[in-house]
Amino acid sequence: MVAPSRLALVVATISALLGIGMVTAGFYYSIQMFSTAAPAEDLEGGLTGLVSVIMRLVPLAVGMTAGGYLLDRGLWSLLKLREREEGLVESAYSP
């Protein structure tokens, strides 16, 4: 069986990497979305284009927020695990 601290380390690392991937994919798709957008010819086309962009942008924003949260929590837990390891090592060798 895997030790709890080892399992926590694996989960935190996967969470951080998944968060990085989600944020990177979000940036890539948002750049692709805005680079291929054609300018509108009239007001009605402009409003339709705006609604279309918002409908495509909201899921990207939610995904990037979720990715940022995963990245933040993964890095925070890695930091706490490292602090716990250093605390255990220091307490083991102190008189």
PDB file of N, CA and C in Angstrom:
ATOM      1  N   MET A   1       0.839  -1.185   0.000  1.00  0.00           N
ATOM      2  CA  MET A   1       0.000   0.000   0.000  1.00  0.00           C
ATOM      3  C   MET A   1       0.881   1.245   0.000  1.00  0.00           C
ATOM      4  N   VAL A   2       0.430   2.273  -0.652  1.00  0.00           N
ATOM      5  CA  VAL A   2       1.182   3.518  -0.759  1.00  0.00           C
ATOM      6  C   VAL A   2       0.996   4.330   0.517  1.00  0.00           C
ATOM      7  N   ALA A   3       2.083   4.910   1.010  1.00  0.00           N
ATOM      8  CA  ALA A   3       2.007   5.746   2.212  1.00  0.00           C
ATOM      9  C   ALA A   3       1.142   6.974   1.943  1.00  0.00           C
ATOM     10  N   PRO A   4       0.428   7.466   2.961  1.00  0.00           N
ATOM     11  CA  PRO A   4      -0.456   8.623   2.745  1.00  0.00           C
ATOM     12  C   PRO A   4       0.268   9.855   2.212  1.00  0.00           C
ATOM     13  N   SER A   5       1.469  10.102   2.696  1.00  0.00           N
ATOM     14  CA  SER A   5       2.180  11.282   2.207  1.00  0.00           C
ATOM     15  C   SER A   5       2.610  11.093   0.751  1.00  0.00           C
ATOM     16  N   ARG A   6       2.940   9.876   0.384  1.00  0.00           N
ATOM     17  CA  ARG A   6       3.318   9.592  -1.003  1.00  0.00           C
ATOM     18  C   ARG A   6       2.106   9.746  -1.927  1.00  0.00           C
ATOM     19  N   LEU A   7       0.959   9.247  -1.490  1.00  0.00           N
ATOM     20  CA  LEU A   7      -0.265   9.377  -2.262  1.00  0.00           C
ATOM     21  C   LEU A   7      -0.663  10.847  -2.396  1.00  0.00           C
ATOM     22  N   ALA A   8      -0.529  11.598  -1.318  1.00  0.00           N
ATOM     23  CA  ALA A   8      -0.848  13.028  -1.368  1.00  0.00           C
ATOM     24  C   ALA A   8       0.090  13.754  -2.324  1.00  0.00           C
ATOM     25  N   LEU A   9       1.344  13.357  -2.348  1.00  0.00           N
ATOM     26  CA  LEU A   9       2.307  13.963  -3.261  1.00  0.00           C
ATOM     27  C   LEU A   9       1.923  13.690  -4.715  1.00  0.00           C
ATOM     28  N   VAL A  10       1.525  12.468  -5.004  1.00  0.00           N
ATOM     29  CA  VAL A  10       1.128  12.108  -6.370  1.00  0.00           C
ATOM     30  C   VAL A  10      -0.127  12.871  -6.781  1.00  0.00           C
ATOM     31  N   VAL A  11      -1.124  12.922  -5.898  1.00  0.00           N
ATOM     32  CA  VAL A  11      -2.369  13.624  -6.209  1.00  0.00           C
ATOM     33  C   VAL A  11      -2.115  15.116  -6.400  1.00  0.00           C
ATOM     34  N   ALA A  12      -1.288  15.715  -5.550  1.00  0.00           N
ATOM     35  CA  ALA A  12      -0.991  17.142  -5.671  1.00  0.00           C
ATOM     36  C   ALA A  12      -0.246  17.443  -6.968  1.00  0.00           C
ATOM     37  N   THR A  13       0.686  16.581  -7.341  1.00  0.00           N
ATOM     38  CA  THR A  13       1.430  16.787  -8.579  1.00  0.00           C
ATOM     39  C   THR A  13       0.523  16.655  -9.798  1.00  0.00           C
ATOM     40  N   ILE A  14      -0.338  15.647  -9.798  1.00  0.00           N
ATOM     41  CA  ILE A  14      -1.273  15.478 -10.913  1.00  0.00           C
ATOM     42  C   ILE A  14      -2.224  16.662 -10.991  1.00  0.00           C
ATOM     43  N   SER A  15      -2.681  17.139  -9.847  1.00  0.00           N
ATOM     44  CA  SER A  15      -3.582  18.292  -9.823  1.00  0.00           C
ATOM     45  C   SER A  15      -2.906  19.528 -10.403  1.00  0.00           C
ATOM     46  N   ALA A  16      -1.670  19.772 -10.017  1.00  0.00           N
ATOM     47  CA  ALA A  16      -0.948  20.937 -10.532  1.00  0.00           C
ATOM     48  C   ALA A  16      -0.719  20.815 -12.039  1.00  0.00           C
ATOM     49  N   LEU A  17      -0.336  19.638 -12.505  1.00  0.00           N
ATOM     50  CA  LEU A  17      -0.105  19.450 -13.941  1.00  0.00           C
ATOM     51  C   LEU A  17      -1.397  19.561 -14.741  1.00  0.00           C
ATOM     52  N   LEU A  18      -2.479  19.032 -14.209  1.00  0.00           N
ATOM     53  CA  LEU A  18      -3.775  19.156 -14.875  1.00  0.00           C
ATOM     54  C   LEU A  18      -4.210  20.620 -14.939  1.00  0.00           C
ATOM     55  N   GLY A  19      -3.965  21.361 -13.864  1.00  0.00           N
ATOM     56  CA  GLY A  19      -4.287  22.787 -13.863  1.00  0.00           C
ATOM     57  C   GLY A  19      -3.486  23.557 -14.897  1.00  0.00           C
ATOM     58  N   ILE A  20      -2.200  23.249 -15.003  1.00  0.00           N
ATOM     59  CA  ILE A  20      -1.359  23.904 -16.008  1.00  0.00           C
ATOM     60  C   ILE A  20      -1.879  23.591 -17.407  1.00  0.00           C
ATOM     61  N   GLY A  21      -2.241  22.340 -17.642  1.00  0.00           N
ATOM     62  CA  GLY A  21      -2.767  21.952 -18.952  1.00  0.00           C
ATOM     63  C   GLY A  21      -4.074  22.645 -19.283  1.00  0.00           C
ATOM     64  N   MET A  22      -4.963  22.762 -18.304  1.00  0.00           N
ATOM     65  CA  MET A  22      -6.252  23.415 -18.547  1.00  0.00           C
ATOM     66  C   MET A  22      -6.084  24.901 -18.844  1.00  0.00           C
ATOM     67  N   VAL A  23      -5.220  25.572 -18.095  1.00  0.00           N
ATOM     68  CA  VAL A  23      -4.992  26.999 -18.336  1.00  0.00           C
ATOM     69  C   VAL A  23      -4.331  27.210 -19.696  1.00  0.00           C
ATOM     70  N   THR A  24      -3.356  26.372 -20.027  1.00  0.00           N
ATOM     71  CA  THR A  24      -2.683  26.487 -21.322  1.00  0.00           C
ATOM     72  C   THR A  24      -3.654  26.247 -22.475  1.00  0.00           C
ATOM     73  N   ALA A  25      -4.481  25.224 -22.357  1.00  0.00           N
ATOM     74  CA  ALA A  25      -5.474  24.951 -23.406  1.00  0.00           C
ATOM     75  C   ALA A  25      -6.476  26.095 -23.515  1.00  0.00           C
ATOM     76  N   GLY A  26      -6.858  26.672 -22.399  1.00  0.00           N
ATOM     77  CA  GLY A  26      -7.781  27.808 -22.424  1.00  0.00           C
ATOM     78  C   GLY A  26      -7.194  29.003 -23.148  1.00  0.00           C
ATOM     79  N   PHE A  27      -5.929  29.308 -22.867  1.00  0.00           N
ATOM     80  CA  PHE A  27      -5.273  30.410 -23.572  1.00  0.00           C
ATOM     81  C   PHE A  27      -5.173  30.122 -25.069  1.00  0.00           C
ATOM     82  N   TYR A  28      -4.809  28.897 -25.407  1.00  0.00           N
ATOM     83  CA  TYR A  28      -4.671  28.534 -26.818  1.00  0.00           C
ATOM     84  C   TYR A  28      -5.996  28.699 -27.560  1.00  0.00           C
ATOM     85  N   TYR A  29      -7.061  28.150 -27.000  1.00  0.00           N
ATOM     86  CA  TYR A  29      -8.359  28.224 -27.681  1.00  0.00           C
ATOM     87  C   TYR A  29      -8.910  29.642 -27.713  1.00  0.00           C
ATOM     88  N   SER A  30      -8.635  30.443 -26.690  1.00  0.00           N
ATOM     89  CA  SER A  30      -9.114  31.830 -26.738  1.00  0.00           C
ATOM     90  C   SER A  30      -8.349  32.629 -27.793  1.00  0.00           C
ATOM     91  N   ILE A  31      -7.063  32.367 -27.949  1.00  0.00           N
ATOM     92  CA  ILE A  31      -6.298  33.041 -29.004  1.00  0.00           C
ATOM     93  C   ILE A  31      -6.804  32.604 -30.375  1.00  0.00           C
ATOM     94  N   GLN A  32      -7.063  31.309 -30.536  1.00  0.00           N
ATOM     95  CA  GLN A  32      -7.597  30.815 -31.810  1.00  0.00           C
ATOM     96  C   GLN A  32      -8.957  31.432 -32.108  1.00  0.00           C
ATOM     97  N   MET A  33      -9.786  31.566 -31.085  1.00  0.00           N
ATOM     98  CA  MET A  33     -11.128  32.091 -31.283  1.00  0.00           C
ATOM     99  C   MET A  33     -11.085  33.544 -31.746  1.00  0.00           C
ATOM    100  N   PHE A  34     -10.218  34.348 -31.149  1.00  0.00           N
ATOM    101  CA  PHE A  34     -10.175  35.757 -31.517  1.00  0.00           C
ATOM    102  C   PHE A  34      -9.374  36.019 -32.787  1.00  0.00           C
ATOM    103  N   SER A  35      -8.471  35.130 -33.137  1.00  0.00           N
ATOM    104  CA  SER A  35      -7.701  35.355 -34.362  1.00  0.00           C
ATOM    105  C   SER A  35      -8.510  35.002 -35.608  1.00  0.00           C
ATOM    106  N   THR A  36      -9.515  34.138 -35.469  1.00  0.00           N
ATOM    107  CA  THR A  36     -10.327  33.755 -36.623  1.00  0.00           C
ATOM    108  C   THR A  36     -11.631  34.534 -36.720  1.00  0.00           C
ATOM    109  N   ALA A  37     -11.893  35.446 -35.788  1.00  0.00           N
ATOM    110  CA  ALA A  37     -13.149  36.201 -35.809  1.00  0.00           C
ATOM    111  C   ALA A  37     -13.099  37.245 -36.921  1.00  0.00           C
ATOM    112  N   ALA A  38     -14.136  37.264 -37.736  1.00  0.00           N
ATOM    113  CA  ALA A  38     -14.232  38.235 -38.830  1.00  0.00           C
ATOM    114  C   ALA A  38     -14.989  39.469 -38.338  1.00  0.00           C
ATOM    115  N   PRO A  39     -14.615  40.648 -38.805  1.00  0.00           N
ATOM    116  CA  PRO A  39     -15.340  41.849 -38.387  1.00  0.00           C
ATOM    117  C   PRO A  39     -16.770  41.850 -38.931  1.00  0.00           C
ATOM    118  N   ALA A  40     -17.682  42.420 -38.168  1.00  0.00           N
ATOM    119  CA  ALA A  40     -19.094  42.451 -38.566  1.00  0.00           C
ATOM    120  C   ALA A  40     -19.335  43.565 -39.581  1.00  0.00           C
ATOM    121  N   GLU A  41     -20.282  43.322 -40.471  1.00  0.00           N
ATOM    122  CA  GLU A  41     -20.623  44.294 -41.508  1.00  0.00           C
ATOM    123  C   GLU A  41     -21.637  45.326 -41.030  1.00  0.00           C
ATOM    124  N   ASP A  42     -22.564  44.913 -40.175  1.00  0.00           N
ATOM    125  CA  ASP A  42     -23.608  45.827 -39.717  1.00  0.00           C
ATOM    126  C   ASP A  42     -23.867  45.604 -38.228  1.00  0.00           C
ATOM    127  N   LEU A  43     -24.810  46.362 -37.672  1.00  0.00           N
ATOM    128  CA  LEU A  43     -25.088  46.283 -36.241  1.00  0.00           C
ATOM    129  C   LEU A  43     -25.640  44.918 -35.848  1.00  0.00           C
ATOM    130  N   GLU A  44     -26.552  44.393 -36.646  1.00  0.00           N
ATOM    131  CA  GLU A  44     -27.147  43.101 -36.311  1.00  0.00           C
ATOM    132  C   GLU A  44     -26.091  41.999 -36.344  1.00  0.00           C
ATOM    133  N   GLY A  45     -25.247  42.040 -37.343  1.00  0.00           N
ATOM    134  CA  GLY A  45     -24.157  41.066 -37.413  1.00  0.00           C
ATOM    135  C   GLY A  45     -23.181  41.241 -36.265  1.00  0.00           C
ATOM    136  N   GLY A  46     -22.979  42.494 -35.853  1.00  0.00           N
ATOM    137  CA  GLY A  46     -22.080  42.755 -34.733  1.00  0.00           C
ATOM    138  C   GLY A  46     -22.619  42.205 -33.428  1.00  0.00           C
ATOM    139  N   LEU A  47     -23.928  42.386 -33.200  1.00  0.00           N
ATOM    140  CA  LEU A  47     -24.537  41.850 -31.985  1.00  0.00           C
ATOM    141  C   LEU A  47     -24.548  40.326 -31.996  1.00  0.00           C
ATOM    142  N   THR A  48     -24.815  39.750 -33.152  1.00  0.00           N
ATOM    143  CA  THR A  48     -24.780  38.291 -33.267  1.00  0.00           C
ATOM    144  C   THR A  48     -23.368  37.776 -33.011  1.00  0.00           C
ATOM    145  N   GLY A  49     -22.394  38.484 -33.549  1.00  0.00           N
ATOM    146  CA  GLY A  49     -21.001  38.102 -33.312  1.00  0.00           C
ATOM    147  C   GLY A  49     -20.614  38.222 -31.852  1.00  0.00           C
ATOM    148  N   LEU A  50     -21.107  39.277 -31.185  1.00  0.00           N
ATOM    149  CA  LEU A  50     -20.810  39.466 -29.764  1.00  0.00           C
ATOM    150  C   LEU A  50     -21.401  38.333 -28.933  1.00  0.00           C
ATOM    151  N   VAL A  51     -22.650  37.983 -29.212  1.00  0.00           N
ATOM    152  CA  VAL A  51     -23.286  36.878 -28.488  1.00  0.00           C
ATOM    153  C   VAL A  51     -22.543  35.574 -28.758  1.00  0.00           C
ATOM    154  N   SER A  52     -22.113  35.377 -29.980  1.00  0.00           N
ATOM    155  CA  SER A  52     -21.374  34.172 -30.328  1.00  0.00           C
ATOM    156  C   SER A  52     -20.051  34.097 -29.571  1.00  0.00           C
ATOM    157  N   VAL A  53     -19.353  35.218 -29.502  1.00  0.00           N
ATOM    158  CA  VAL A  53     -18.077  35.248 -28.780  1.00  0.00           C
ATOM    159  C   VAL A  53     -18.297  35.000 -27.298  1.00  0.00           C
ATOM    160  N   ILE A  54     -19.329  35.609 -26.732  1.00  0.00           N
ATOM    161  CA  ILE A  54     -19.602  35.415 -25.306  1.00  0.00           C
ATOM    162  C   ILE A  54     -19.962  33.960 -25.022  1.00  0.00           C
ATOM    163  N   MET A  55     -20.747  33.361 -25.905  1.00  0.00           N
ATOM    164  CA  MET A  55     -21.123  31.955 -25.701  1.00  0.00           C
ATOM    165  C   MET A  55     -19.916  31.028 -25.790  1.00  0.00           C
ATOM    166  N   ARG A  56     -18.932  31.382 -26.585  1.00  0.00           N
ATOM    167  CA  ARG A  56     -17.720  30.561 -26.666  1.00  0.00           C
ATOM    168  C   ARG A  56     -16.738  30.913 -25.564  1.00  0.00           C
ATOM    169  N   LEU A  57     -16.773  32.150 -25.093  1.00  0.00           N
ATOM    170  CA  LEU A  57     -15.802  32.602 -24.104  1.00  0.00           C
ATOM    171  C   LEU A  57     -16.139  32.146 -22.692  1.00  0.00           C
ATOM    172  N   VAL A  58     -17.413  32.053 -22.361  1.00  0.00           N
ATOM    173  CA  VAL A  58     -17.807  31.675 -21.001  1.00  0.00           C
ATOM    174  C   VAL A  58     -17.302  30.277 -20.629  1.00  0.00           C
ATOM    175  N   PRO A  59     -17.480  29.253 -21.459  1.00  0.00           N
ATOM    176  CA  PRO A  59     -16.915  27.948 -21.077  1.00  0.00           C
ATOM    177  C   PRO A  59     -15.390  27.973 -20.946  1.00  0.00           C
ATOM    178  N   LEU A  60     -14.732  28.752 -21.791  1.00  0.00           N
ATOM    179  CA  LEU A  60     -13.276  28.871 -21.658  1.00  0.00           C
ATOM    180  C   LEU A  60     -12.904  29.522 -20.338  1.00  0.00           C
ATOM    181  N   ALA A  61     -13.635  30.553 -19.951  1.00  0.00           N
ATOM    182  CA  ALA A  61     -13.351  31.231 -18.684  1.00  0.00           C
ATOM    183  C   ALA A  61     -13.583  30.299 -17.501  1.00  0.00           C
ATOM    184  N   VAL A  62     -14.645  29.526 -17.555  1.00  0.00           N
ATOM    185  CA  VAL A  62     -14.916  28.572 -16.475  1.00  0.00           C
ATOM    186  C   VAL A  62     -13.819  27.508 -16.423  1.00  0.00           C
ATOM    187  N   GLY A  63     -13.420  27.007 -17.572  1.00  0.00           N
ATOM    188  CA  GLY A  63     -12.349  26.014 -17.610  1.00  0.00           C
ATOM    189  C   GLY A  63     -11.023  26.562 -17.119  1.00  0.00           C
ATOM    190  N   MET A  64     -10.715  27.799 -17.496  1.00  0.00           N
ATOM    191  CA  MET A  64      -9.460  28.400 -17.042  1.00  0.00           C
ATOM    192  C   MET A  64      -9.506  28.679 -15.542  1.00  0.00           C
ATOM    193  N   THR A  65     -10.669  29.054 -15.022  1.00  0.00           N
ATOM    194  CA  THR A  65     -10.800  29.265 -13.581  1.00  0.00           C
ATOM    195  C   THR A  65     -10.612  27.951 -12.832  1.00  0.00           C
ATOM    196  N   ALA A  66     -11.220  26.890 -13.340  1.00  0.00           N
ATOM    197  CA  ALA A  66     -11.055  25.577 -12.714  1.00  0.00           C
ATOM    198  C   ALA A  66      -9.601  25.117 -12.789  1.00  0.00           C
ATOM    199  N   GLY A  67      -8.961  25.353 -13.924  1.00  0.00           N
ATOM    200  CA  GLY A  67      -7.548  24.994 -14.052  1.00  0.00           C
ATOM    201  C   GLY A  67      -6.668  25.782 -13.107  1.00  0.00           C
ATOM    202  N   GLY A  68      -6.947  27.066 -12.968  1.00  0.00           N
ATOM    203  CA  GLY A  68      -6.189  27.885 -12.020  1.00  0.00           C
ATOM    204  C   GLY A  68      -6.382  27.426 -10.592  1.00  0.00           C
ATOM    205  N   TYR A  69      -7.609  27.024 -10.252  1.00  0.00           N
ATOM    206  CA  TYR A  69      -7.877  26.522  -8.906  1.00  0.00           C
ATOM    207  C   TYR A  69      -7.119  25.223  -8.658  1.00  0.00           C
ATOM    208  N   LEU A  70      -7.147  24.312  -9.631  1.00  0.00           N
ATOM    209  CA  LEU A  70      -6.402  23.061  -9.481  1.00  0.00           C
ATOM    210  C   LEU A  70      -4.909  23.323  -9.337  1.00  0.00           C
ATOM    211  N   LEU A  71      -4.394  24.241 -10.129  1.00  0.00           N
ATOM    212  CA  LEU A  71      -2.979  24.586 -10.044  1.00  0.00           C
ATOM    213  C   LEU A  71      -2.640  25.167  -8.678  1.00  0.00           C
ATOM    214  N   ASP A  72      -3.467  26.087  -8.200  1.00  0.00           N
ATOM    215  CA  ASP A  72      -3.231  26.718  -6.902  1.00  0.00           C
ATOM    216  C   ASP A  72      -3.275  25.696  -5.775  1.00  0.00           C
ATOM    217  N   ARG A  73      -4.295  24.864  -5.753  1.00  0.00           N
ATOM    218  CA  ARG A  73      -4.433  23.866  -4.680  1.00  0.00           C
ATOM    219  C   ARG A  73      -3.329  22.820  -4.763  1.00  0.00           C
ATOM    220  N   GLY A  74      -2.941  22.431  -5.968  1.00  0.00           N
ATOM    221  CA  GLY A  74      -1.868  21.455  -6.109  1.00  0.00           C
ATOM    222  C   GLY A  74      -0.540  21.990  -5.605  1.00  0.00           C
ATOM    223  N   LEU A  75      -0.217  23.224  -5.984  1.00  0.00           N
ATOM    224  CA  LEU A  75       1.041  23.815  -5.518  1.00  0.00           C
ATOM    225  C   LEU A  75       1.012  24.075  -4.019  1.00  0.00           C
ATOM    226  N   TRP A  76      -0.149  24.484  -3.485  1.00  0.00           N
ATOM    227  CA  TRP A  76      -0.268  24.733  -2.051  1.00  0.00           C
ATOM    228  C   TRP A  76      -0.057  23.444  -1.268  1.00  0.00           C
ATOM    229  N   SER A  77      -0.665  22.347  -1.732  1.00  0.00           N
ATOM    230  CA  SER A  77      -0.503  21.087  -1.016  1.00  0.00           C
ATOM    231  C   SER A  77       0.923  20.552  -1.139  1.00  0.00           C
ATOM    232  N   LEU A  78       1.567  20.771  -2.286  1.00  0.00           N
ATOM    233  CA  LEU A  78       2.978  20.381  -2.396  1.00  0.00           C
ATOM    234  C   LEU A  78       3.841  21.166  -1.417  1.00  0.00           C
ATOM    235  N   LEU A  79       3.551  22.448  -1.265  1.00  0.00           N
ATOM    236  CA  LEU A  79       4.292  23.271  -0.308  1.00  0.00           C
ATOM    237  C   LEU A  79       4.072  22.781   1.113  1.00  0.00           C
ATOM    238  N   LYS A  80       2.828  22.473   1.467  1.00  0.00           N
ATOM    239  CA  LYS A  80       2.532  21.988   2.820  1.00  0.00           C
ATOM    240  C   LYS A  80       3.185  20.635   3.073  1.00  0.00           C
ATOM    241  N   LEU A  81       3.200  19.757   2.077  1.00  0.00           N
ATOM    242  CA  LEU A  81       3.869  18.467   2.242  1.00  0.00           C
ATOM    243  C   LEU A  81       5.366  18.653   2.455  1.00  0.00           C
ATOM    244  N   ARG A  82       5.941  19.588   1.727  1.00  0.00           N
ATOM    245  CA  ARG A  82       7.378  19.834   1.895  1.00  0.00           C
ATOM    246  C   ARG A  82       7.673  20.412   3.274  1.00  0.00           C
ATOM    247  N   GLU A  83       6.822  21.345   3.727  1.00  0.00           N
ATOM    248  CA  GLU A  83       7.016  21.899   5.072  1.00  0.00           C
ATOM    249  C   GLU A  83       6.883  20.809   6.126  1.00  0.00           C
ATOM    250  N   ARG A  84       5.926  19.906   5.937  1.00  0.00           N
ATOM    251  CA  ARG A  84       5.739  18.822   6.900  1.00  0.00           C
ATOM    252  C   ARG A  84       6.948  17.896   6.906  1.00  0.00           C
ATOM    253  N   GLU A  85       7.494  17.584   5.717  1.00  0.00           N
ATOM    254  CA  GLU A  85       8.684  16.732   5.639  1.00  0.00           C
ATOM    255  C   GLU A  85       9.874  17.386   6.323  1.00  0.00           C
ATOM    256  N   GLU A  86      10.085  18.679   6.060  1.00  0.00           N
ATOM    257  CA  GLU A  86      11.212  19.375   6.674  1.00  0.00           C
ATOM    258  C   GLU A  86      11.031  19.473   8.176  1.00  0.00           C
ATOM    259  N   GLY A  87       9.811  19.666   8.631  1.00  0.00           N
ATOM    260  CA  GLY A  87       9.547  19.723  10.066  1.00  0.00           C
ATOM    261  C   GLY A  87       9.813  18.393  10.735  1.00  0.00           C
ATOM    262  N   LEU A  88       9.447  17.286  10.079  1.00  0.00           N
ATOM    263  CA  LEU A  88       9.692  15.968  10.647  1.00  0.00           C
ATOM    264  C   LEU A  88      11.174  15.648  10.672  1.00  0.00           C
ATOM    265  N   VAL A  89      11.889  16.034   9.637  1.00  0.00           N
ATOM    266  CA  VAL A  89      13.326  15.768   9.588  1.00  0.00           C
ATOM    267  C   VAL A  89      14.047  16.588  10.645  1.00  0.00           C
ATOM    268  N   GLU A  90      13.690  17.861  10.793  1.00  0.00           N
ATOM    269  CA  GLU A  90      14.344  18.703  11.788  1.00  0.00           C
ATOM    270  C   GLU A  90      14.047  18.218  13.199  1.00  0.00           C
ATOM    271  N   SER A  91      12.808  17.796  13.466  1.00  0.00           N
ATOM    272  CA  SER A  91      12.467  17.348  14.816  1.00  0.00           C
ATOM    273  C   SER A  91      13.132  16.011  15.137  1.00  0.00           C
ATOM    274  N   ALA A  92      13.428  15.204  14.134  1.00  0.00           N
ATOM    275  CA  ALA A  92      14.063  13.916  14.381  1.00  0.00           C
ATOM    276  C   ALA A  92      15.518  14.086  14.799  1.00  0.00           C
ATOM    277  N   TYR A  93      16.186  15.133  14.333  1.00  0.00           N
ATOM    278  CA  TYR A  93      17.600  15.323  14.641  1.00  0.00           C
ATOM    279  C   TYR A  93      17.850  16.359  15.724  1.00  0.00           C
ATOM    280  N   SER A  94      16.830  17.007  16.215  1.00  0.00           N
ATOM    281  CA  SER A  94      17.049  18.014  17.265  1.00  0.00           C
ATOM    282  C   SER A  94      17.123  17.322  18.628  1.00  0.00           C
ATOM    283  N   PRO A  95      17.933  17.872  19.538  1.00  0.00           N
ATOM    284  CA  PRO A  95      18.107  17.226  20.859  1.00  0.00           C
ATOM    285  C   PRO A  95      16.903  17.359  21.758  1.00  0.00           C
TER     286      PRO A  95
END
